[in-house]
Amino acid sequence: MCKVKSGVLITNKEDVQNMIIGIIFRQQKKYRREHILESAKKYFKGSALEINNNALGLIVDENLDILSRNGAICCKNGNYIPEKFI
């Protein structure tokens, strides 16, 4: 897996996208959207890029939706499960 940028290394929206996907793919047990969002906020701290919590939440939602539709993760009752555990 590649090194995902965090903090001051995040300089554009693509870096944010890659960070969120990296967080999602590193999950080893079921998780909720809120867990991913909180982790993203933590790894985003220190970045010069301006992005509000709502926009960050939308990026998380979009990625969870795409990965779920592609079968990389599964959503049951608001809990996401990594594909390797389905």
PDB file of N, CA and C in Angstrom:
ATOM      1  N   MET A   1       0.845  -1.167   0.000  1.00  0.00           N
ATOM      2  CA  MET A   1       0.000   0.000   0.000  1.00  0.00           C
ATOM      3  C   MET A   1       0.894   1.234   0.000  1.00  0.00           C
ATOM      4  N   CYS A   2       0.492   2.262  -0.685  1.00  0.00           N
ATOM      5  CA  CYS A   2       1.305   3.467  -0.802  1.00  0.00           C
ATOM      6  C   CYS A   2       1.209   4.323   0.468  1.00  0.00           C
ATOM      7  N   LYS A   3       2.137   5.230   0.612  1.00  0.00           N
ATOM      8  CA  LYS A   3       2.141   6.162   1.737  1.00  0.00           C
ATOM      9  C   LYS A   3       1.078   7.211   1.474  1.00  0.00           C
ATOM     10  N   VAL A   4       0.189   7.396   2.423  1.00  0.00           N
ATOM     11  CA  VAL A   4      -0.891   8.367   2.280  1.00  0.00           C
ATOM     12  C   VAL A   4      -0.488   9.642   3.000  1.00  0.00           C
ATOM     13  N   LYS A   5      -0.655  10.768   2.336  1.00  0.00           N
ATOM     14  CA  LYS A   5      -0.293  12.056   2.913  1.00  0.00           C
ATOM     15  C   LYS A   5      -1.238  12.418   4.056  1.00  0.00           C
ATOM     16  N   SER A   6      -0.694  13.141   5.039  1.00  0.00           N
ATOM     17  CA  SER A   6      -1.507  13.660   6.130  1.00  0.00           C
ATOM     18  C   SER A   6      -0.913  14.986   6.586  1.00  0.00           C
ATOM     19  N   GLY A   7      -1.693  15.722   7.377  1.00  0.00           N
ATOM     20  CA  GLY A   7      -1.232  16.988   7.931  1.00  0.00           C
ATOM     21  C   GLY A   7      -0.776  17.975   6.888  1.00  0.00           C
ATOM     22  N   VAL A   8       0.424  18.536   7.089  1.00  0.00           N
ATOM     23  CA  VAL A   8       0.939  19.587   6.200  1.00  0.00           C
ATOM     24  C   VAL A   8       1.180  19.101   4.775  1.00  0.00           C
ATOM     25  N   LEU A   9       1.264  17.795   4.584  1.00  0.00           N
ATOM     26  CA  LEU A   9       1.510  17.251   3.244  1.00  0.00           C
ATOM     27  C   LEU A   9       0.263  17.271   2.364  1.00  0.00           C
ATOM     28  N   ILE A  10      -0.903  17.480   2.963  1.00  0.00           N
ATOM     29  CA  ILE A  10      -2.146  17.544   2.193  1.00  0.00           C
ATOM     30  C   ILE A  10      -2.255  18.932   1.584  1.00  0.00           C
ATOM     31  N   THR A  11      -2.219  18.984   0.252  1.00  0.00           N
ATOM     32  CA  THR A  11      -2.227  20.284  -0.426  1.00  0.00           C
ATOM     33  C   THR A  11      -3.371  20.463  -1.419  1.00  0.00           C
ATOM     34  N   ASN A  12      -4.115  19.376  -1.723  1.00  0.00           N
ATOM     35  CA  ASN A  12      -5.218  19.504  -2.679  1.00  0.00           C
ATOM     36  C   ASN A  12      -6.298  18.461  -2.378  1.00  0.00           C
ATOM     37  N   LYS A  13      -7.403  18.556  -3.107  1.00  0.00           N
ATOM     38  CA  LYS A  13      -8.550  17.675  -2.851  1.00  0.00           C
ATOM     39  C   LYS A  13      -8.209  16.210  -3.131  1.00  0.00           C
ATOM     40  N   GLU A  14      -7.324  15.962  -4.078  1.00  0.00           N
ATOM     41  CA  GLU A  14      -6.929  14.584  -4.385  1.00  0.00           C
ATOM     42  C   GLU A  14      -6.193  13.952  -3.211  1.00  0.00           C
ATOM     43  N   ASP A  15      -5.396  14.749  -2.505  1.00  0.00           N
ATOM     44  CA  ASP A  15      -4.720  14.248  -1.306  1.00  0.00           C
ATOM     45  C   ASP A  15      -5.737  13.868  -0.231  1.00  0.00           C
ATOM     46  N   VAL A  16      -6.787  14.690  -0.092  1.00  0.00           N
ATOM     47  CA  VAL A  16      -7.851  14.403   0.872  1.00  0.00           C
ATOM     48  C   VAL A  16      -8.544  13.096   0.487  1.00  0.00           C
ATOM     49  N   GLN A  17      -8.869  12.964  -0.786  1.00  0.00           N
ATOM     50  CA  GLN A  17      -9.524  11.759  -1.305  1.00  0.00           C
ATOM     51  C   GLN A  17      -8.679  10.515  -1.018  1.00  0.00           C
ATOM     52  N   ASN A  18      -7.395  10.586  -1.310  1.00  0.00           N
ATOM     53  CA  ASN A  18      -6.502   9.449  -1.076  1.00  0.00           C
ATOM     54  C   ASN A  18      -6.372   9.130   0.404  1.00  0.00           C
ATOM     55  N   MET A  19      -6.346  10.167   1.245  1.00  0.00           N
ATOM     56  CA  MET A  19      -6.266   9.957   2.683  1.00  0.00           C
ATOM     57  C   MET A  19      -7.487   9.190   3.178  1.00  0.00           C
ATOM     58  N   ILE A  20      -8.669   9.600   2.737  1.00  0.00           N
ATOM     59  CA  ILE A  20      -9.911   8.966   3.185  1.00  0.00           C
ATOM     60  C   ILE A  20      -9.975   7.514   2.703  1.00  0.00           C
ATOM     61  N   ILE A  21      -9.646   7.270   1.461  1.00  0.00           N
ATOM     62  CA  ILE A  21      -9.642   5.894   0.947  1.00  0.00           C
ATOM     63  C   ILE A  21      -8.637   5.046   1.721  1.00  0.00           C
ATOM     64  N   GLY A  22      -7.484   5.620   2.033  1.00  0.00           N
ATOM     65  CA  GLY A  22      -6.486   4.906   2.826  1.00  0.00           C
ATOM     66  C   GLY A  22      -7.017   4.535   4.197  1.00  0.00           C
ATOM     67  N   ILE A  23      -7.728   5.464   4.837  1.00  0.00           N
ATOM     68  CA  ILE A  23      -8.326   5.188   6.154  1.00  0.00           C
ATOM     69  C   ILE A  23      -9.332   4.051   6.035  1.00  0.00           C
ATOM     70  N   ILE A  24     -10.182   4.109   5.023  1.00  0.00           N
ATOM     71  CA  ILE A  24     -11.213   3.082   4.835  1.00  0.00           C
ATOM     72  C   ILE A  24     -10.576   1.711   4.609  1.00  0.00           C
ATOM     73  N   PHE A  25      -9.586   1.634   3.726  1.00  0.00           N
ATOM     74  CA  PHE A  25      -8.977   0.345   3.403  1.00  0.00           C
ATOM     75  C   PHE A  25      -8.134  -0.227   4.542  1.00  0.00           C
ATOM     76  N   ARG A  26      -7.773   0.585   5.520  1.00  0.00           N
ATOM     77  CA  ARG A  26      -6.987   0.091   6.647  1.00  0.00           C
ATOM     78  C   ARG A  26      -7.857  -0.457   7.789  1.00  0.00           C
ATOM     79  N   GLN A  27      -9.166  -0.368   7.645  1.00  0.00           N
ATOM     80  CA  GLN A  27     -10.051  -0.854   8.703  1.00  0.00           C
ATOM     81  C   GLN A  27      -9.991  -2.376   8.781  1.00  0.00           C
ATOM     82  N   GLN A  28      -9.894  -2.895  10.007  1.00  0.00           N
ATOM     83  CA  GLN A  28      -9.786  -4.332  10.217  1.00  0.00           C
ATOM     84  C   GLN A  28     -11.048  -4.954  10.814  1.00  0.00           C
ATOM     85  N   LYS A  29     -12.007  -4.123  11.171  1.00  0.00           N
ATOM     86  CA  LYS A  29     -13.278  -4.614  11.709  1.00  0.00           C
ATOM     87  C   LYS A  29     -14.376  -3.666  11.273  1.00  0.00           C
ATOM     88  N   LYS A  30     -15.619  -3.981  11.622  1.00  0.00           N
ATOM     89  CA  LYS A  30     -16.712  -3.122  11.168  1.00  0.00           C
ATOM     90  C   LYS A  30     -16.568  -1.736  11.783  1.00  0.00           C
ATOM     91  N   TYR A  31     -17.080  -0.754  11.062  1.00  0.00           N
ATOM     92  CA  TYR A  31     -16.940   0.638  11.468  1.00  0.00           C
ATOM     93  C   TYR A  31     -18.136   1.427  10.964  1.00  0.00           C
ATOM     94  N   ARG A  32     -18.281   2.618  11.493  1.00  0.00           N
ATOM     95  CA  ARG A  32     -19.359   3.507  11.086  1.00  0.00           C
ATOM     96  C   ARG A  32     -18.768   4.718  10.365  1.00  0.00           C
ATOM     97  N   ARG A  33     -19.589   5.404   9.644  1.00  0.00           N
ATOM     98  CA  ARG A  33     -19.187   6.603   8.897  1.00  0.00           C
ATOM     99  C   ARG A  33     -18.505   7.607   9.825  1.00  0.00           C
ATOM    100  N   GLU A  34     -19.052   7.784  11.027  1.00  0.00           N
ATOM    101  CA  GLU A  34     -18.532   8.754  11.974  1.00  0.00           C
ATOM    102  C   GLU A  34     -17.083   8.456  12.349  1.00  0.00           C
ATOM    103  N   HIS A  35     -16.740   7.174  12.424  1.00  0.00           N
ATOM    104  CA  HIS A  35     -15.368   6.778  12.750  1.00  0.00           C
ATOM    105  C   HIS A  35     -14.413   7.244  11.644  1.00  0.00           C
ATOM    106  N   ILE A  36     -14.805   7.057  10.413  1.00  0.00           N
ATOM    107  CA  ILE A  36     -13.968   7.478   9.283  1.00  0.00           C
ATOM    108  C   ILE A  36     -13.835   8.994   9.273  1.00  0.00           C
ATOM    109  N   LEU A  37     -14.929   9.702   9.519  1.00  0.00           N
ATOM    110  CA  LEU A  37     -14.907  11.157   9.523  1.00  0.00           C
ATOM    111  C   LEU A  37     -13.988  11.684  10.632  1.00  0.00           C
ATOM    112  N   GLU A  38     -14.066  11.129  11.823  1.00  0.00           N
ATOM    113  CA  GLU A  38     -13.210  11.565  12.925  1.00  0.00           C
ATOM    114  C   GLU A  38     -11.738  11.277  12.630  1.00  0.00           C
ATOM    115  N   SER A  39     -11.460  10.125  12.050  1.00  0.00           N
ATOM    116  CA  SER A  39     -10.082   9.800  11.674  1.00  0.00           C
ATOM    117  C   SER A  39      -9.576  10.767  10.616  1.00  0.00           C
ATOM    118  N   ALA A  40     -10.429  11.090   9.642  1.00  0.00           N
ATOM    119  CA  ALA A  40     -10.042  12.021   8.586  1.00  0.00           C
ATOM    120  C   ALA A  40      -9.729  13.398   9.159  1.00  0.00           C
ATOM    121  N   LYS A  41     -10.544  13.861  10.099  1.00  0.00           N
ATOM    122  CA  LYS A  41     -10.290  15.154  10.737  1.00  0.00           C
ATOM    123  C   LYS A  41      -8.937  15.143  11.444  1.00  0.00           C
ATOM    124  N   LYS A  42      -8.635  14.039  12.114  1.00  0.00           N
ATOM    125  CA  LYS A  42      -7.369  13.929  12.838  1.00  0.00           C
ATOM    126  C   LYS A  42      -6.182  13.999  11.882  1.00  0.00           C
ATOM    127  N   TYR A  43      -6.236  13.245  10.791  1.00  0.00           N
ATOM    128  CA  TYR A  43      -5.139  13.221   9.832  1.00  0.00           C
ATOM    129  C   TYR A  43      -5.060  14.496   8.992  1.00  0.00           C
ATOM    130  N   PHE A  44      -6.152  15.245   8.930  1.00  0.00           N
ATOM    131  CA  PHE A  44      -6.199  16.481   8.145  1.00  0.00           C
ATOM    132  C   PHE A  44      -5.583  17.659   8.896  1.00  0.00           C
ATOM    133  N   LYS A  45      -5.533  17.573  10.234  1.00  0.00           N
ATOM    134  CA  LYS A  45      -4.998  18.676  11.040  1.00  0.00           C
ATOM    135  C   LYS A  45      -3.600  19.058  10.579  1.00  0.00           C
ATOM    136  N   GLY A  46      -3.377  20.365  10.484  1.00  0.00           N
ATOM    137  CA  GLY A  46      -2.083  20.869  10.073  1.00  0.00           C
ATOM    138  C   GLY A  46      -1.991  21.204   8.594  1.00  0.00           C
ATOM    139  N   SER A  47      -2.989  20.807   7.837  1.00  0.00           N
ATOM    140  CA  SER A  47      -2.984  21.095   6.407  1.00  0.00           C
ATOM    141  C   SER A  47      -3.307  22.567   6.155  1.00  0.00           C
ATOM    142  N   ALA A  48      -2.658  23.139   5.163  1.00  0.00           N
ATOM    143  CA  ALA A  48      -2.945  24.521   4.779  1.00  0.00           C
ATOM    144  C   ALA A  48      -4.215  24.604   3.933  1.00  0.00           C
ATOM    145  N   LEU A  49      -4.701  23.468   3.456  1.00  0.00           N
ATOM    146  CA  LEU A  49      -5.903  23.422   2.632  1.00  0.00           C
ATOM    147  C   LEU A  49      -7.125  23.762   3.487  1.00  0.00           C
ATOM    148  N   GLU A  50      -7.971  24.625   2.978  1.00  0.00           N
ATOM    149  CA  GLU A  50      -9.190  25.027   3.680  1.00  0.00           C
ATOM    150  C   GLU A  50     -10.337  24.112   3.250  1.00  0.00           C
ATOM    151  N   ILE A  51     -10.892  23.383   4.198  1.00  0.00           N
ATOM    152  CA  ILE A  51     -12.055  22.537   3.914  1.00  0.00           C
ATOM    153  C   ILE A  51     -12.867  22.435   5.206  1.00  0.00           C
ATOM    154  N   ASN A  52     -14.177  22.673   5.101  1.00  0.00           N
ATOM    155  CA  ASN A  52     -14.989  22.630   6.317  1.00  0.00           C
ATOM    156  C   ASN A  52     -15.460  21.198   6.592  1.00  0.00           C
ATOM    157  N   ASN A  53     -16.017  21.000   7.777  1.00  0.00           N
ATOM    158  CA  ASN A  53     -16.434  19.662   8.200  1.00  0.00           C
ATOM    159  C   ASN A  53     -17.515  19.073   7.306  1.00  0.00           C
ATOM    160  N   ASN A  54     -18.418  19.928   6.805  1.00  0.00           N
ATOM    161  CA  ASN A  54     -19.478  19.428   5.923  1.00  0.00           C
ATOM    162  C   ASN A  54     -18.898  18.898   4.617  1.00  0.00           C
ATOM    163  N   ALA A  55     -17.948  19.644   4.045  1.00  0.00           N
ATOM    164  CA  ALA A  55     -17.321  19.209   2.792  1.00  0.00           C
ATOM    165  C   ALA A  55     -16.527  17.923   3.014  1.00  0.00           C
ATOM    166  N   LEU A  56     -15.836  17.831   4.134  1.00  0.00           N
ATOM    167  CA  LEU A  56     -15.090  16.621   4.448  1.00  0.00           C
ATOM    168  C   LEU A  56     -16.037  15.437   4.606  1.00  0.00           C
ATOM    169  N   GLY A  57     -17.174  15.665   5.259  1.00  0.00           N
ATOM    170  CA  GLY A  57     -18.182  14.625   5.415  1.00  0.00           C
ATOM    171  C   GLY A  57     -18.735  14.152   4.084  1.00  0.00           C
ATOM    172  N   LEU A  58     -18.932  15.084   3.145  1.00  0.00           N
ATOM    173  CA  LEU A  58     -19.421  14.713   1.821  1.00  0.00           C
ATOM    174  C   LEU A  58     -18.410  13.837   1.075  1.00  0.00           C
ATOM    175  N   ILE A  59     -17.133  14.160   1.217  1.00  0.00           N
ATOM    176  CA  ILE A  59     -16.099  13.352   0.563  1.00  0.00           C
ATOM    177  C   ILE A  59     -16.078  11.948   1.161  1.00  0.00           C
ATOM    178  N   VAL A  60     -16.222  11.854   2.477  1.00  0.00           N
ATOM    179  CA  VAL A  60     -16.294  10.543   3.139  1.00  0.00           C
ATOM    180  C   VAL A  60     -17.500   9.769   2.615  1.00  0.00           C
ATOM    181  N   ASP A  61     -18.659  10.421   2.567  1.00  0.00           N
ATOM    182  CA  ASP A  61     -19.887   9.765   2.089  1.00  0.00           C
ATOM    183  C   ASP A  61     -19.740   9.280   0.651  1.00  0.00           C
ATOM    184  N   GLU A  62     -19.178  10.107  -0.211  1.00  0.00           N
ATOM    185  CA  GLU A  62     -18.999   9.729  -1.618  1.00  0.00           C
ATOM    186  C   GLU A  62     -18.105   8.492  -1.741  1.00  0.00           C
ATOM    187  N   ASN A  63     -17.014   8.470  -0.981  1.00  0.00           N
ATOM    188  CA  ASN A  63     -16.093   7.336  -1.051  1.00  0.00           C
ATOM    189  C   ASN A  63     -16.721   6.064  -0.503  1.00  0.00           C
ATOM    190  N   LEU A  64     -17.445   6.171   0.611  1.00  0.00           N
ATOM    191  CA  LEU A  64     -18.118   4.994   1.163  1.00  0.00           C
ATOM    192  C   LEU A  64     -19.144   4.453   0.171  1.00  0.00           C
ATOM    193  N   ASP A  65     -19.875   5.360  -0.486  1.00  0.00           N
ATOM    194  CA  ASP A  65     -20.880   4.953  -1.465  1.00  0.00           C
ATOM    195  C   ASP A  65     -20.238   4.248  -2.660  1.00  0.00           C
ATOM    196  N   ILE A  66     -19.188   4.828  -3.205  1.00  0.00           N
ATOM    197  CA  ILE A  66     -18.513   4.237  -4.369  1.00  0.00           C
ATOM    198  C   ILE A  66     -17.917   2.876  -4.019  1.00  0.00           C
ATOM    199  N   LEU A  67     -17.235   2.794  -2.885  1.00  0.00           N
ATOM    200  CA  LEU A  67     -16.612   1.529  -2.491  1.00  0.00           C
ATOM    201  C   LEU A  67     -17.654   0.463  -2.181  1.00  0.00           C
ATOM    202  N   SER A  68     -18.787   0.877  -1.645  1.00  0.00           N
ATOM    203  CA  SER A  68     -19.874  -0.070  -1.374  1.00  0.00           C
ATOM    204  C   SER A  68     -20.473  -0.598  -2.675  1.00  0.00           C
ATOM    205  N   ARG A  69     -20.719   0.306  -3.632  1.00  0.00           N
ATOM    206  CA  ARG A  69     -21.275  -0.119  -4.923  1.00  0.00           C
ATOM    207  C   ARG A  69     -20.317  -1.012  -5.698  1.00  0.00           C
ATOM    208  N   ASN A  70     -19.015  -0.806  -5.503  1.00  0.00           N
ATOM    209  CA  ASN A  70     -18.014  -1.617  -6.201  1.00  0.00           C
ATOM    210  C   ASN A  70     -17.704  -2.931  -5.490  1.00  0.00           C
ATOM    211  N   GLY A  71     -18.300  -3.139  -4.320  1.00  0.00           N
ATOM    212  CA  GLY A  71     -18.107  -4.393  -3.601  1.00  0.00           C
ATOM    213  C   GLY A  71     -16.843  -4.450  -2.746  1.00  0.00           C
ATOM    214  N   ALA A  72     -16.156  -3.330  -2.583  1.00  0.00           N
ATOM    215  CA  ALA A  72     -14.946  -3.310  -1.754  1.00  0.00           C
ATOM    216  C   ALA A  72     -15.289  -3.321  -0.273  1.00  0.00           C
ATOM    217  N   ILE A  73     -16.470  -2.785   0.069  1.00  0.00           N
ATOM    218  CA  ILE A  73     -16.979  -2.805   1.431  1.00  0.00           C
ATOM    219  C   ILE A  73     -18.463  -3.126   1.371  1.00  0.00           C
ATOM    220  N   CYS A  74     -19.023  -3.487   2.506  1.00  0.00           N
ATOM    221  CA  CYS A  74     -20.446  -3.801   2.573  1.00  0.00           C
ATOM    222  C   CYS A  74     -21.055  -2.999   3.714  1.00  0.00           C
ATOM    223  N   CYS A  75     -22.252  -2.465   3.518  1.00  0.00           N
ATOM    224  CA  CYS A  75     -22.929  -1.691   4.555  1.00  0.00           C
ATOM    225  C   CYS A  75     -24.159  -2.460   5.029  1.00  0.00           C
ATOM    226  N   LYS A  76     -24.227  -2.686   6.346  1.00  0.00           N
ATOM    227  CA  LYS A  76     -25.387  -3.336   6.957  1.00  0.00           C
ATOM    228  C   LYS A  76     -25.765  -2.558   8.202  1.00  0.00           C
ATOM    229  N   ASN A  77     -26.972  -2.003   8.210  1.00  0.00           N
ATOM    230  CA  ASN A  77     -27.488  -1.251   9.350  1.00  0.00           C
ATOM    231  C   ASN A  77     -26.567  -0.105   9.764  1.00  0.00           C
ATOM    232  N   GLY A  78     -25.967   0.573   8.813  1.00  0.00           N
ATOM    233  CA  GLY A  78     -25.098   1.701   9.103  1.00  0.00           C
ATOM    234  C   GLY A  78     -23.682   1.319   9.478  1.00  0.00           C
ATOM    235  N   ASN A  79     -23.401   0.022   9.552  1.00  0.00           N
ATOM    236  CA  ASN A  79     -22.053  -0.461   9.825  1.00  0.00           C
ATOM    237  C   ASN A  79     -21.421  -0.908   8.526  1.00  0.00           C
ATOM    238  N   TYR A  80     -20.202  -0.470   8.310  1.00  0.00           N
ATOM    239  CA  TYR A  80     -19.464  -0.877   7.116  1.00  0.00           C
ATOM    240  C   TYR A  80     -18.526  -2.013   7.499  1.00  0.00           C
ATOM    241  N   ILE A  81     -18.417  -2.976   6.603  1.00  0.00           N
ATOM    242  CA  ILE A  81     -17.596  -4.158   6.835  1.00  0.00           C
ATOM    243  C   ILE A  81     -16.607  -4.282   5.672  1.00  0.00           C
ATOM    244  N   PRO A  82     -15.310  -4.401   5.974  1.00  0.00           N
ATOM    245  CA  PRO A  82     -14.348  -4.592   4.880  1.00  0.00           C
ATOM    246  C   PRO A  82     -14.659  -5.856   4.087  1.00  0.00           C
ATOM    247  N   GLU A  83     -14.434  -5.813   2.786  1.00  0.00           N
ATOM    248  CA  GLU A  83     -14.766  -6.914   1.880  1.00  0.00           C
ATOM    249  C   GLU A  83     -14.121  -8.228   2.301  1.00  0.00           C
ATOM    250  N   LYS A  84     -12.920  -8.166   2.848  1.00  0.00           N
ATOM    251  CA  LYS A  84     -12.235  -9.400   3.234  1.00  0.00           C
ATOM    252  C   LYS A  84     -12.909 -10.116   4.387  1.00  0.00           C
ATOM    253  N   PHE A  85     -13.851  -9.454   5.089  1.00  0.00           N
ATOM    254  CA  PHE A  85     -14.555 -10.060   6.216  1.00  0.00           C
ATOM    255  C   PHE A  85     -16.013 -10.383   5.896  1.00  0.00           C
ATOM    256  N   ILE A  86     -16.417 -10.172   4.642  1.00  0.00           N
ATOM    257  CA  ILE A  86     -17.820 -10.417   4.254  1.00  0.00           C
ATOM    258  C   ILE A  86     -18.029 -11.903   4.048  1.00  0.00           C
TER     259      ILE A  86
END
